[in-house]
Amino acid sequence: MSALASVRQAIFGPLRRLYDWVLSWAETPWGPLALFVLSFCESSFFPIPPDPLLIALALGKRKKSFLFALNCTVASVLGGLFGYLIGYAMFETVAEPVLAFYGYGDKFQEYATLFNDNGAMAVFVPALTPVPYKLVTITAGATGLNLPIFIVASIIGRGLRFFVVAGLLWWLGEPVGRFIEKWFEWLTVGFAVLLVGGFILIRFLL
């Protein structure tokens, strides 16, 4: 194995195993339930996004692509409400450790200011981008953002994100799956770039 291949394996190997583990649920009868649980947890504390499982399930049953997107949206919004509760009622005991674990503890005040100044847009933009949504939901609760505004912005932002993915899969189908399999490593890098870009986008739009 070449040095470049060794480096590539060290960097992407764990990600590929994690990706494969997530996808393995699509081959079981528990796939939709796993998608719901994953979407719920990702919105409040869990680091793995539901997108890979959504893609796998939609490719397996293209006619149900939009149903899977609805599954993701409902679970993500409900998980977001749980994240809101964590920020609102359990900030010191739960929220602060969660934010610190993901390296966002020192950024909380900055996001709190954004929420106080921008309301719905501070929820909608991150809900649509790869910005970690748990940071948004916890901060919304901690700052006491109007709950109906939070719910509506979450539904629209999360819904657009998941239904666009489902629509592409319903329309293009298997070529999308082959593309993801072939270029997984570079898509991972691209996702990281989008993650950073999401933060920059928030700063410019808000």
N, C-alpha and C. Protein backbone atom coordinates (compact mmCIF):
# COMPACT_ATOMS: atom_id res chain seq x y z
N MET A 1 0.84 -1.19 0.00
CA MET A 1 0.00 0.00 0.00
C MET A 1 0.88 1.25 0.00
N SER A 2 0.61 2.18 -0.90
CA SER A 2 1.42 3.39 -1.00
C SER A 2 1.17 4.29 0.20
N ALA A 3 2.08 5.27 0.36
CA ALA A 3 1.92 6.21 1.48
C ALA A 3 0.64 7.00 1.34
N LEU A 4 0.32 7.41 0.09
CA LEU A 4 -0.92 8.17 -0.14
C LEU A 4 -2.14 7.34 0.19
N ALA A 5 -2.10 6.05 -0.20
CA ALA A 5 -3.23 5.17 0.10
C ALA A 5 -3.37 4.95 1.60
N SER A 6 -2.25 4.88 2.30
CA SER A 6 -2.29 4.70 3.75
C SER A 6 -2.91 5.91 4.43
N VAL A 7 -2.53 7.10 3.96
CA VAL A 7 -3.09 8.33 4.53
C VAL A 7 -4.59 8.40 4.25
N ARG A 8 -4.94 8.05 3.01
CA ARG A 8 -6.35 8.07 2.64
C ARG A 8 -7.17 7.12 3.50
N GLN A 9 -6.63 5.92 3.74
CA GLN A 9 -7.33 4.94 4.57
C GLN A 9 -7.46 5.43 6.00
N ALA A 10 -6.41 6.07 6.52
CA ALA A 10 -6.45 6.57 7.90
C ALA A 10 -7.48 7.67 8.07
N ILE A 11 -7.63 8.51 7.02
CA ILE A 11 -8.56 9.63 7.12
C ILE A 11 -9.99 9.20 6.86
N PHE A 12 -10.17 8.42 5.76
CA PHE A 12 -11.53 8.12 5.33
C PHE A 12 -12.05 6.78 5.81
N GLY A 13 -11.16 5.89 6.29
CA GLY A 13 -11.59 4.58 6.73
C GLY A 13 -12.69 4.60 7.78
N PRO A 14 -12.49 5.32 8.89
CA PRO A 14 -13.55 5.39 9.90
C PRO A 14 -14.85 5.98 9.37
N LEU A 15 -14.74 6.98 8.48
CA LEU A 15 -15.93 7.58 7.91
C LEU A 15 -16.68 6.59 7.03
N ARG A 16 -15.92 5.81 6.26
CA ARG A 16 -16.55 4.80 5.41
C ARG A 16 -17.24 3.74 6.24
N ARG A 17 -16.60 3.31 7.35
CA ARG A 17 -17.23 2.30 8.21
C ARG A 17 -18.49 2.85 8.85
N LEU A 18 -18.44 4.10 9.28
CA LEU A 18 -19.62 4.73 9.85
C LEU A 18 -20.73 4.85 8.81
N TYR A 19 -20.36 5.26 7.62
CA TYR A 19 -21.30 5.37 6.50
C TYR A 19 -21.95 4.02 6.21
N ASP A 20 -21.12 2.97 6.15
CA ASP A 20 -21.65 1.63 5.87
C ASP A 20 -22.58 1.15 6.99
N TRP A 21 -22.22 1.49 8.24
CA TRP A 21 -23.08 1.09 9.36
C TRP A 21 -24.45 1.77 9.26
N VAL A 22 -24.44 3.05 8.95
CA VAL A 22 -25.71 3.77 8.79
C VAL A 22 -26.52 3.16 7.66
N LEU A 23 -25.85 2.89 6.53
CA LEU A 23 -26.56 2.33 5.38
C LEU A 23 -27.09 0.93 5.66
N SER A 24 -26.45 0.20 6.56
CA SER A 24 -26.89 -1.18 6.81
C SER A 24 -28.33 -1.24 7.32
N TRP A 25 -28.79 -0.17 7.96
CA TRP A 25 -30.18 -0.16 8.44
C TRP A 25 -31.18 -0.17 7.29
N ALA A 26 -30.74 0.33 6.13
CA ALA A 26 -31.65 0.37 4.99
C ALA A 26 -31.99 -1.03 4.50
N GLU A 27 -31.19 -2.01 4.85
CA GLU A 27 -31.41 -3.39 4.40
C GLU A 27 -32.22 -4.20 5.39
N THR A 28 -32.76 -3.55 6.41
CA THR A 28 -33.56 -4.23 7.42
C THR A 28 -34.97 -3.65 7.45
N PRO A 29 -35.91 -4.38 8.04
CA PRO A 29 -37.28 -3.83 8.17
C PRO A 29 -37.34 -2.62 9.08
N TRP A 30 -36.26 -2.38 9.83
CA TRP A 30 -36.24 -1.28 10.78
C TRP A 30 -35.71 0.02 10.17
N GLY A 31 -35.48 0.02 8.87
CA GLY A 31 -34.90 1.20 8.22
C GLY A 31 -35.65 2.49 8.48
N PRO A 32 -36.96 2.55 8.21
CA PRO A 32 -37.70 3.80 8.45
C PRO A 32 -37.67 4.24 9.91
N LEU A 33 -37.76 3.28 10.84
CA LEU A 33 -37.68 3.62 12.26
C LEU A 33 -36.30 4.16 12.62
N ALA A 34 -35.25 3.52 12.08
CA ALA A 34 -33.89 4.00 12.31
C ALA A 34 -33.72 5.41 11.76
N LEU A 35 -34.32 5.67 10.62
CA LEU A 35 -34.25 7.01 10.02
C LEU A 35 -34.92 8.04 10.92
N PHE A 36 -36.04 7.68 11.50
CA PHE A 36 -36.76 8.58 12.40
C PHE A 36 -35.93 8.88 13.64
N VAL A 37 -35.39 7.82 14.25
CA VAL A 37 -34.59 7.99 15.47
C VAL A 37 -33.33 8.81 15.19
N LEU A 38 -32.67 8.51 14.09
CA LEU A 38 -31.45 9.23 13.73
C LEU A 38 -31.74 10.70 13.48
N SER A 39 -32.83 10.99 12.77
CA SER A 39 -33.20 12.38 12.48
C SER A 39 -33.54 13.14 13.77
N PHE A 40 -34.22 12.46 14.68
CA PHE A 40 -34.58 13.07 15.96
C PHE A 40 -33.33 13.41 16.77
N CYS A 41 -32.45 12.43 16.90
CA CYS A 41 -31.26 12.61 17.74
C CYS A 41 -30.29 13.64 17.16
N GLU A 42 -30.17 13.66 15.82
CA GLU A 42 -29.22 14.57 15.19
C GLU A 42 -29.59 16.03 15.44
N SER A 43 -30.87 16.31 15.67
CA SER A 43 -31.31 17.69 15.86
C SER A 43 -31.05 18.21 17.27
N SER A 44 -30.67 17.32 18.18
CA SER A 44 -30.51 17.78 19.55
C SER A 44 -29.16 17.43 20.17
N PHE A 45 -28.55 16.30 19.77
CA PHE A 45 -27.27 15.99 20.42
C PHE A 45 -26.37 15.05 19.61
N PHE A 46 -26.92 14.29 18.67
CA PHE A 46 -26.15 13.24 17.99
C PHE A 46 -25.39 13.80 16.79
N PRO A 47 -24.14 13.35 16.53
CA PRO A 47 -23.33 13.97 15.47
C PRO A 47 -23.60 13.48 14.06
N ILE A 48 -24.25 12.29 13.89
CA ILE A 48 -24.40 11.72 12.56
C ILE A 48 -25.66 12.25 11.89
N PRO A 49 -25.55 12.83 10.68
CA PRO A 49 -26.74 13.31 9.98
C PRO A 49 -27.53 12.17 9.38
N PRO A 50 -28.82 12.36 9.13
CA PRO A 50 -29.66 11.28 8.61
C PRO A 50 -29.57 11.12 7.09
N ASP A 51 -28.89 12.04 6.41
CA ASP A 51 -28.89 12.04 4.94
C ASP A 51 -28.45 10.72 4.30
N PRO A 52 -27.35 10.07 4.76
CA PRO A 52 -26.97 8.81 4.10
C PRO A 52 -28.06 7.74 4.15
N LEU A 53 -28.73 7.63 5.29
CA LEU A 53 -29.79 6.62 5.41
C LEU A 53 -31.00 7.02 4.58
N LEU A 54 -31.32 8.31 4.55
CA LEU A 54 -32.41 8.79 3.70
C LEU A 54 -32.14 8.43 2.25
N ILE A 55 -30.91 8.66 1.80
CA ILE A 55 -30.54 8.36 0.42
C ILE A 55 -30.66 6.86 0.13
N ALA A 56 -30.16 6.04 1.05
CA ALA A 56 -30.21 4.59 0.84
C ALA A 56 -31.64 4.07 0.78
N LEU A 57 -32.49 4.54 1.69
CA LEU A 57 -33.88 4.09 1.70
C LEU A 57 -34.62 4.55 0.46
N ALA A 58 -34.37 5.80 0.06
CA ALA A 58 -35.06 6.33 -1.12
C ALA A 58 -34.62 5.62 -2.39
N LEU A 59 -33.35 5.23 -2.47
CA LEU A 59 -32.87 4.48 -3.63
C LEU A 59 -33.49 3.09 -3.66
N GLY A 60 -33.68 2.50 -2.49
CA GLY A 60 -34.27 1.16 -2.43
C GLY A 60 -35.74 1.15 -2.78
N LYS A 61 -36.45 2.22 -2.41
CA LYS A 61 -37.88 2.32 -2.70
C LYS A 61 -38.18 3.74 -3.16
N ARG A 62 -37.91 3.99 -4.44
CA ARG A 62 -38.00 5.35 -4.97
C ARG A 62 -39.41 5.93 -4.86
N LYS A 63 -40.44 5.08 -4.95
CA LYS A 63 -41.80 5.58 -4.86
C LYS A 63 -42.11 6.13 -3.47
N LYS A 64 -41.30 5.75 -2.48
CA LYS A 64 -41.51 6.23 -1.12
C LYS A 64 -40.52 7.33 -0.73
N SER A 65 -39.82 7.89 -1.71
CA SER A 65 -38.81 8.90 -1.43
C SER A 65 -39.36 10.06 -0.61
N PHE A 66 -40.52 10.57 -1.00
CA PHE A 66 -41.08 11.72 -0.31
C PHE A 66 -41.64 11.34 1.06
N LEU A 67 -42.08 10.09 1.20
CA LEU A 67 -42.52 9.62 2.51
C LEU A 67 -41.33 9.57 3.47
N PHE A 68 -40.18 9.11 2.98
CA PHE A 68 -38.98 9.10 3.80
C PHE A 68 -38.55 10.52 4.16
N ALA A 69 -38.69 11.45 3.23
CA ALA A 69 -38.36 12.85 3.51
C ALA A 69 -39.28 13.42 4.58
N LEU A 70 -40.56 13.05 4.51
CA LEU A 70 -41.51 13.49 5.54
C LEU A 70 -41.12 12.90 6.89
N ASN A 71 -40.73 11.64 6.91
CA ASN A 71 -40.23 10.97 8.11
C ASN A 71 -39.10 11.78 8.72
N CYS A 72 -38.12 12.14 7.88
CA CYS A 72 -36.96 12.93 8.34
C CYS A 72 -37.38 14.28 8.90
N THR A 73 -38.28 14.94 8.18
CA THR A 73 -38.69 16.29 8.57
C THR A 73 -39.40 16.29 9.90
N VAL A 74 -40.37 15.40 10.05
CA VAL A 74 -41.14 15.33 11.31
C VAL A 74 -40.21 15.01 12.48
N ALA A 75 -39.37 14.00 12.31
CA ALA A 75 -38.46 13.59 13.39
C ALA A 75 -37.46 14.70 13.71
N SER A 76 -36.96 15.37 12.69
CA SER A 76 -35.98 16.43 12.90
C SER A 76 -36.59 17.60 13.66
N VAL A 77 -37.82 17.96 13.32
CA VAL A 77 -38.49 19.06 14.02
C VAL A 77 -38.78 18.67 15.47
N LEU A 78 -39.23 17.44 15.67
CA LEU A 78 -39.47 16.97 17.04
C LEU A 78 -38.17 16.93 17.84
N GLY A 79 -37.10 16.46 17.20
CA GLY A 79 -35.80 16.48 17.85
C GLY A 79 -35.33 17.90 18.13
N GLY A 80 -35.67 18.81 17.22
CA GLY A 80 -35.35 20.21 17.44
C GLY A 80 -36.07 20.77 18.66
N LEU A 81 -37.31 20.35 18.86
CA LEU A 81 -38.05 20.78 20.06
C LEU A 81 -37.39 20.24 21.33
N PHE A 82 -36.85 19.02 21.23
CA PHE A 82 -36.12 18.47 22.38
C PHE A 82 -34.85 19.28 22.63
N GLY A 83 -34.16 19.65 21.55
CA GLY A 83 -32.99 20.51 21.69
C GLY A 83 -33.35 21.86 22.29
N TYR A 84 -34.50 22.39 21.87
CA TYR A 84 -35.00 23.66 22.42
C TYR A 84 -35.22 23.51 23.93
N LEU A 85 -35.83 22.39 24.33
CA LEU A 85 -36.07 22.13 25.75
C LEU A 85 -34.75 22.04 26.52
N ILE A 86 -33.75 21.40 25.92
CA ILE A 86 -32.44 21.30 26.57
C ILE A 86 -31.87 22.68 26.83
N GLY A 87 -31.94 23.54 25.80
CA GLY A 87 -31.41 24.88 25.96
C GLY A 87 -32.22 25.73 26.93
N TYR A 88 -33.54 25.52 26.95
CA TYR A 88 -34.43 26.35 27.76
C TYR A 88 -34.42 25.95 29.24
N ALA A 89 -34.46 24.64 29.49
CA ALA A 89 -34.65 24.18 30.87
C ALA A 89 -33.45 23.47 31.47
N MET A 90 -32.48 23.08 30.64
CA MET A 90 -31.35 22.30 31.15
C MET A 90 -30.03 22.84 30.61
N PHE A 91 -29.90 24.16 30.58
CA PHE A 91 -28.72 24.74 29.92
C PHE A 91 -27.43 24.38 30.65
N GLU A 92 -27.38 24.61 31.94
CA GLU A 92 -26.14 24.38 32.68
C GLU A 92 -25.82 22.89 32.81
N THR A 93 -26.84 22.07 33.01
CA THR A 93 -26.60 20.65 33.27
C THR A 93 -26.38 19.83 32.01
N VAL A 94 -27.05 20.20 30.91
CA VAL A 94 -26.98 19.40 29.68
C VAL A 94 -26.44 20.19 28.50
N ALA A 95 -27.03 21.38 28.25
CA ALA A 95 -26.68 22.14 27.05
C ALA A 95 -25.21 22.55 27.01
N GLU A 96 -24.71 23.10 28.11
CA GLU A 96 -23.32 23.55 28.13
C GLU A 96 -22.34 22.41 27.86
N PRO A 97 -22.51 21.23 28.48
CA PRO A 97 -21.62 20.11 28.14
C PRO A 97 -21.72 19.67 26.68
N VAL A 98 -22.94 19.68 26.13
CA VAL A 98 -23.12 19.29 24.72
C VAL A 98 -22.41 20.27 23.80
N LEU A 99 -22.60 21.57 24.05
CA LEU A 99 -21.95 22.60 23.24
C LEU A 99 -20.43 22.51 23.35
N ALA A 100 -19.97 22.26 24.57
CA ALA A 100 -18.52 22.16 24.78
C ALA A 100 -17.95 20.93 24.06
N PHE A 101 -18.70 19.84 24.05
CA PHE A 101 -18.24 18.61 23.40
C PHE A 101 -18.02 18.82 21.90
N TYR A 102 -18.91 19.62 21.29
CA TYR A 102 -18.78 19.88 19.85
C TYR A 102 -17.93 21.11 19.55
N GLY A 103 -17.36 21.72 20.60
CA GLY A 103 -16.47 22.84 20.39
C GLY A 103 -17.17 24.16 20.15
N TYR A 104 -18.45 24.27 20.57
CA TYR A 104 -19.21 25.49 20.34
C TYR A 104 -19.45 26.30 21.62
N GLY A 105 -18.86 25.85 22.72
CA GLY A 105 -19.11 26.54 23.98
C GLY A 105 -18.74 28.01 23.94
N ASP A 106 -17.59 28.32 23.34
CA ASP A 106 -17.14 29.70 23.32
C ASP A 106 -17.85 30.54 22.26
N LYS A 107 -18.67 29.89 21.40
CA LYS A 107 -19.39 30.61 20.37
C LYS A 107 -20.84 30.88 20.76
N PHE A 108 -21.23 30.40 21.94
CA PHE A 108 -22.65 30.50 22.30
C PHE A 108 -23.14 31.94 22.34
N GLN A 109 -22.38 32.83 22.94
CA GLN A 109 -22.83 34.21 23.06
C GLN A 109 -23.01 34.86 21.70
N GLU A 110 -22.13 34.50 20.75
CA GLU A 110 -22.24 35.04 19.40
C GLU A 110 -23.55 34.60 18.75
N TYR A 111 -23.89 33.32 18.91
CA TYR A 111 -25.13 32.82 18.34
C TYR A 111 -26.34 33.35 19.09
N ALA A 112 -26.21 33.55 20.38
CA ALA A 112 -27.30 34.11 21.15
C ALA A 112 -27.65 35.50 20.62
N THR A 113 -26.64 36.28 20.28
CA THR A 113 -26.86 37.62 19.72
C THR A 113 -27.57 37.53 18.38
N LEU A 114 -27.14 36.59 17.54
CA LEU A 114 -27.79 36.40 16.24
C LEU A 114 -29.27 36.06 16.41
N PHE A 115 -29.58 35.19 17.36
CA PHE A 115 -30.97 34.80 17.58
C PHE A 115 -31.79 35.98 18.07
N ASN A 116 -31.23 36.76 18.97
CA ASN A 116 -31.96 37.90 19.50
C ASN A 116 -32.24 38.94 18.43
N ASP A 117 -31.34 39.05 17.46
CA ASP A 117 -31.46 40.09 16.43
C ASP A 117 -32.24 39.65 15.20
N ASN A 118 -32.28 38.32 14.94
CA ASN A 118 -32.79 37.88 13.64
C ASN A 118 -33.93 36.87 13.69
N GLY A 119 -34.25 36.34 14.84
CA GLY A 119 -35.42 35.49 14.98
C GLY A 119 -35.47 34.31 14.03
N ALA A 120 -36.52 34.30 13.18
CA ALA A 120 -36.79 33.15 12.32
C ALA A 120 -35.65 32.84 11.37
N MET A 121 -34.99 33.87 10.82
CA MET A 121 -33.91 33.63 9.87
C MET A 121 -32.74 32.92 10.52
N ALA A 122 -32.54 33.14 11.81
CA ALA A 122 -31.46 32.48 12.54
C ALA A 122 -31.71 30.99 12.67
N VAL A 123 -32.96 30.57 12.51
CA VAL A 123 -33.31 29.15 12.52
C VAL A 123 -33.38 28.61 11.10
N PHE A 124 -34.03 29.36 10.21
CA PHE A 124 -34.29 28.87 8.86
C PHE A 124 -33.01 28.61 8.07
N VAL A 125 -32.07 29.57 8.08
CA VAL A 125 -30.85 29.41 7.27
C VAL A 125 -30.03 28.20 7.71
N PRO A 126 -29.73 28.03 9.02
CA PRO A 126 -29.00 26.82 9.42
C PRO A 126 -29.78 25.53 9.18
N ALA A 127 -31.11 25.59 9.29
CA ALA A 127 -31.92 24.39 9.07
C ALA A 127 -31.77 23.88 7.64
N LEU A 128 -31.47 24.79 6.72
CA LEU A 128 -31.35 24.44 5.31
C LEU A 128 -29.93 24.07 4.91
N THR A 129 -28.96 24.50 5.70
CA THR A 129 -27.55 24.30 5.37
C THR A 129 -26.95 23.19 6.24
N PRO A 130 -25.68 22.83 5.99
CA PRO A 130 -25.05 21.79 6.81
C PRO A 130 -24.60 22.25 8.20
N VAL A 131 -24.96 23.46 8.62
CA VAL A 131 -24.62 23.89 9.98
C VAL A 131 -25.24 22.90 10.97
N PRO A 132 -24.48 22.46 11.98
CA PRO A 132 -25.04 21.51 12.97
C PRO A 132 -26.32 22.05 13.60
N TYR A 133 -27.43 21.37 13.34
CA TYR A 133 -28.72 21.91 13.76
C TYR A 133 -28.90 21.89 15.26
N LYS A 134 -28.16 21.00 15.93
CA LYS A 134 -28.26 20.95 17.38
C LYS A 134 -27.80 22.26 18.02
N LEU A 135 -26.82 22.92 17.40
CA LEU A 135 -26.37 24.22 17.89
C LEU A 135 -27.49 25.24 17.80
N VAL A 136 -28.26 25.16 16.73
CA VAL A 136 -29.38 26.08 16.52
C VAL A 136 -30.50 25.82 17.53
N THR A 137 -30.89 24.56 17.69
CA THR A 137 -32.03 24.25 18.56
C THR A 137 -31.74 24.56 20.02
N ILE A 138 -30.55 24.23 20.47
CA ILE A 138 -30.18 24.49 21.86
C ILE A 138 -30.10 25.99 22.12
N THR A 139 -29.50 26.72 21.18
CA THR A 139 -29.37 28.16 21.35
C THR A 139 -30.74 28.83 21.33
N ALA A 140 -31.63 28.35 20.46
CA ALA A 140 -32.98 28.91 20.40
C ALA A 140 -33.69 28.78 21.75
N GLY A 141 -33.55 27.63 22.37
CA GLY A 141 -34.17 27.44 23.67
C GLY A 141 -33.52 28.27 24.75
N ALA A 142 -32.20 28.34 24.73
CA ALA A 142 -31.47 29.09 25.75
C ALA A 142 -31.77 30.58 25.69
N THR A 143 -32.04 31.10 24.49
CA THR A 143 -32.32 32.53 24.33
C THR A 143 -33.81 32.83 24.40
N GLY A 144 -34.63 31.79 24.52
CA GLY A 144 -36.07 32.00 24.63
C GLY A 144 -36.71 32.48 23.35
N LEU A 145 -36.20 32.02 22.18
CA LEU A 145 -36.80 32.39 20.91
C LEU A 145 -38.27 31.98 20.90
N ASN A 146 -39.11 32.84 20.33
CA ASN A 146 -40.54 32.55 20.24
C ASN A 146 -40.77 31.16 19.69
N LEU A 147 -41.48 30.31 20.43
CA LEU A 147 -41.61 28.90 20.06
C LEU A 147 -42.34 28.69 18.74
N PRO A 148 -43.49 29.34 18.47
CA PRO A 148 -44.13 29.16 17.16
C PRO A 148 -43.22 29.56 15.99
N ILE A 149 -42.46 30.63 16.16
CA ILE A 149 -41.52 31.04 15.11
C ILE A 149 -40.47 29.96 14.90
N PHE A 150 -39.97 29.42 15.98
CA PHE A 150 -38.97 28.35 15.91
C PHE A 150 -39.53 27.14 15.16
N ILE A 151 -40.75 26.74 15.48
CA ILE A 151 -41.35 25.56 14.86
C ILE A 151 -41.56 25.77 13.36
N VAL A 152 -42.13 26.92 12.99
CA VAL A 152 -42.41 27.19 11.58
C VAL A 152 -41.12 27.25 10.78
N ALA A 153 -40.11 27.96 11.30
CA ALA A 153 -38.83 28.07 10.59
C ALA A 153 -38.16 26.71 10.47
N SER A 154 -38.30 25.88 11.48
CA SER A 154 -37.71 24.54 11.45
C SER A 154 -38.39 23.67 10.40
N ILE A 155 -39.71 23.72 10.36
CA ILE A 155 -40.46 22.91 9.40
C ILE A 155 -40.08 23.29 7.97
N ILE A 156 -40.02 24.59 7.70
CA ILE A 156 -39.70 25.04 6.34
C ILE A 156 -38.26 24.69 5.97
N GLY A 157 -37.31 25.00 6.87
CA GLY A 157 -35.90 24.77 6.58
C GLY A 157 -35.55 23.30 6.46
N ARG A 158 -35.98 22.51 7.45
CA ARG A 158 -35.70 21.08 7.41
C ARG A 158 -36.44 20.40 6.25
N GLY A 159 -37.69 20.82 6.03
CA GLY A 159 -38.47 20.23 4.95
C GLY A 159 -37.83 20.46 3.59
N LEU A 160 -37.39 21.68 3.34
CA LEU A 160 -36.74 21.98 2.06
C LEU A 160 -35.50 21.11 1.88
N ARG A 161 -34.70 21.01 2.94
CA ARG A 161 -33.47 20.24 2.84
C ARG A 161 -33.74 18.78 2.47
N PHE A 162 -34.64 18.13 3.19
CA PHE A 162 -34.86 16.71 2.98
C PHE A 162 -35.69 16.42 1.72
N PHE A 163 -36.66 17.28 1.40
CA PHE A 163 -37.49 17.03 0.23
C PHE A 163 -36.74 17.29 -1.07
N VAL A 164 -35.78 18.21 -1.05
CA VAL A 164 -34.95 18.42 -2.24
C VAL A 164 -34.12 17.16 -2.52
N VAL A 165 -33.53 16.60 -1.47
CA VAL A 165 -32.76 15.36 -1.63
C VAL A 165 -33.66 14.24 -2.14
N ALA A 166 -34.83 14.09 -1.53
CA ALA A 166 -35.76 13.04 -1.95
C ALA A 166 -36.21 13.24 -3.39
N GLY A 167 -36.44 14.49 -3.77
CA GLY A 167 -36.88 14.78 -5.13
C GLY A 167 -35.82 14.39 -6.16
N LEU A 168 -34.58 14.69 -5.86
CA LEU A 168 -33.49 14.32 -6.77
C LEU A 168 -33.37 12.80 -6.90
N LEU A 169 -33.53 12.11 -5.78
CA LEU A 169 -33.44 10.65 -5.81
C LEU A 169 -34.63 10.04 -6.55
N TRP A 170 -35.81 10.59 -6.34
CA TRP A 170 -37.00 10.11 -7.05
C TRP A 170 -36.86 10.33 -8.55
N TRP A 171 -36.24 11.45 -8.92
CA TRP A 171 -36.11 11.81 -10.33
C TRP A 171 -34.97 11.04 -11.01
N LEU A 172 -33.78 11.01 -10.35
CA LEU A 172 -32.60 10.45 -10.99
C LEU A 172 -32.30 9.01 -10.57
N GLY A 173 -32.68 8.67 -9.36
CA GLY A 173 -32.56 7.29 -8.92
C GLY A 173 -31.16 6.75 -8.81
N GLU A 174 -30.94 5.58 -9.37
CA GLU A 174 -29.71 4.83 -9.18
C GLU A 174 -28.44 5.58 -9.57
N PRO A 175 -28.42 6.41 -10.63
CA PRO A 175 -27.19 7.15 -10.93
C PRO A 175 -26.68 7.98 -9.76
N VAL A 176 -27.61 8.51 -8.97
CA VAL A 176 -27.20 9.28 -7.79
C VAL A 176 -26.52 8.36 -6.80
N GLY A 177 -27.07 7.17 -6.59
CA GLY A 177 -26.45 6.21 -5.67
C GLY A 177 -25.06 5.81 -6.11
N ARG A 178 -24.90 5.52 -7.41
CA ARG A 178 -23.58 5.15 -7.91
C ARG A 178 -22.59 6.29 -7.77
N PHE A 179 -23.08 7.50 -7.97
CA PHE A 179 -22.22 8.68 -7.83
C PHE A 179 -21.72 8.82 -6.39
N ILE A 180 -22.62 8.62 -5.44
CA ILE A 180 -22.24 8.73 -4.03
C ILE A 180 -21.24 7.64 -3.66
N GLU A 181 -21.48 6.41 -4.13
CA GLU A 181 -20.56 5.32 -3.83
C GLU A 181 -19.17 5.59 -4.40
N LYS A 182 -19.11 6.10 -5.63
CA LYS A 182 -17.84 6.30 -6.29
C LYS A 182 -17.05 7.45 -5.68
N TRP A 183 -17.74 8.51 -5.31
CA TRP A 183 -17.07 9.73 -4.87
C TRP A 183 -17.29 10.03 -3.40
N PHE A 184 -17.53 8.97 -2.60
CA PHE A 184 -17.86 9.19 -1.19
C PHE A 184 -16.83 10.04 -0.47
N GLU A 185 -15.53 9.71 -0.64
CA GLU A 185 -14.49 10.42 0.09
C GLU A 185 -14.51 11.91 -0.22
N TRP A 186 -14.62 12.23 -1.52
CA TRP A 186 -14.59 13.64 -1.90
C TRP A 186 -15.89 14.35 -1.51
N LEU A 187 -16.99 13.63 -1.51
CA LEU A 187 -18.24 14.22 -1.03
C LEU A 187 -18.14 14.55 0.45
N THR A 188 -17.41 13.70 1.19
CA THR A 188 -17.18 13.98 2.62
C THR A 188 -16.41 15.27 2.79
N VAL A 189 -15.36 15.42 1.97
CA VAL A 189 -14.59 16.67 2.01
C VAL A 189 -15.48 17.85 1.64
N GLY A 190 -16.30 17.65 0.59
CA GLY A 190 -17.19 18.72 0.18
C GLY A 190 -18.18 19.10 1.26
N PHE A 191 -18.66 18.08 2.00
CA PHE A 191 -19.59 18.36 3.10
C PHE A 191 -18.91 19.21 4.17
N ALA A 192 -17.64 18.91 4.44
CA ALA A 192 -16.90 19.71 5.43
C ALA A 192 -16.76 21.15 4.96
N VAL A 193 -16.51 21.33 3.66
CA VAL A 193 -16.41 22.68 3.10
C VAL A 193 -17.74 23.41 3.23
N LEU A 194 -18.83 22.69 2.93
CA LEU A 194 -20.15 23.29 3.07
C LEU A 194 -20.47 23.64 4.52
N LEU A 195 -19.96 22.83 5.43
CA LEU A 195 -20.16 23.10 6.86
C LEU A 195 -19.58 24.45 7.23
N VAL A 196 -18.33 24.68 6.79
CA VAL A 196 -17.69 25.97 7.05
C VAL A 196 -18.45 27.07 6.32
N GLY A 197 -18.83 26.77 5.06
CA GLY A 197 -19.56 27.77 4.29
C GLY A 197 -20.89 28.14 4.91
N GLY A 198 -21.51 27.17 5.59
CA GLY A 198 -22.78 27.46 6.26
C GLY A 198 -22.63 28.51 7.34
N PHE A 199 -21.54 28.40 8.11
CA PHE A 199 -21.29 29.40 9.14
C PHE A 199 -21.05 30.77 8.51
N ILE A 200 -20.27 30.79 7.42
CA ILE A 200 -19.99 32.06 6.73
C ILE A 200 -21.28 32.65 6.17
N LEU A 201 -22.14 31.78 5.61
CA LEU A 201 -23.40 32.23 5.06
C LEU A 201 -24.27 32.90 6.12
N ILE A 202 -24.30 32.32 7.30
CA ILE A 202 -25.08 32.91 8.39
C ILE A 202 -24.59 34.32 8.70
N ARG A 203 -23.27 34.47 8.77
CA ARG A 203 -22.69 35.77 9.12
C ARG A 203 -23.04 36.83 8.06
N PHE A 204 -23.05 36.44 6.78
CA PHE A 204 -23.33 37.41 5.73
C PHE A 204 -24.82 37.71 5.62
N LEU A 205 -25.66 36.68 5.75
CA LEU A 205 -27.10 36.90 5.59
C LEU A 205 -27.75 37.56 6.80
N LEU A 206 -27.19 37.29 7.97
CA LEU A 206 -27.81 37.82 9.17
C LEU A 206 -27.13 39.07 9.67
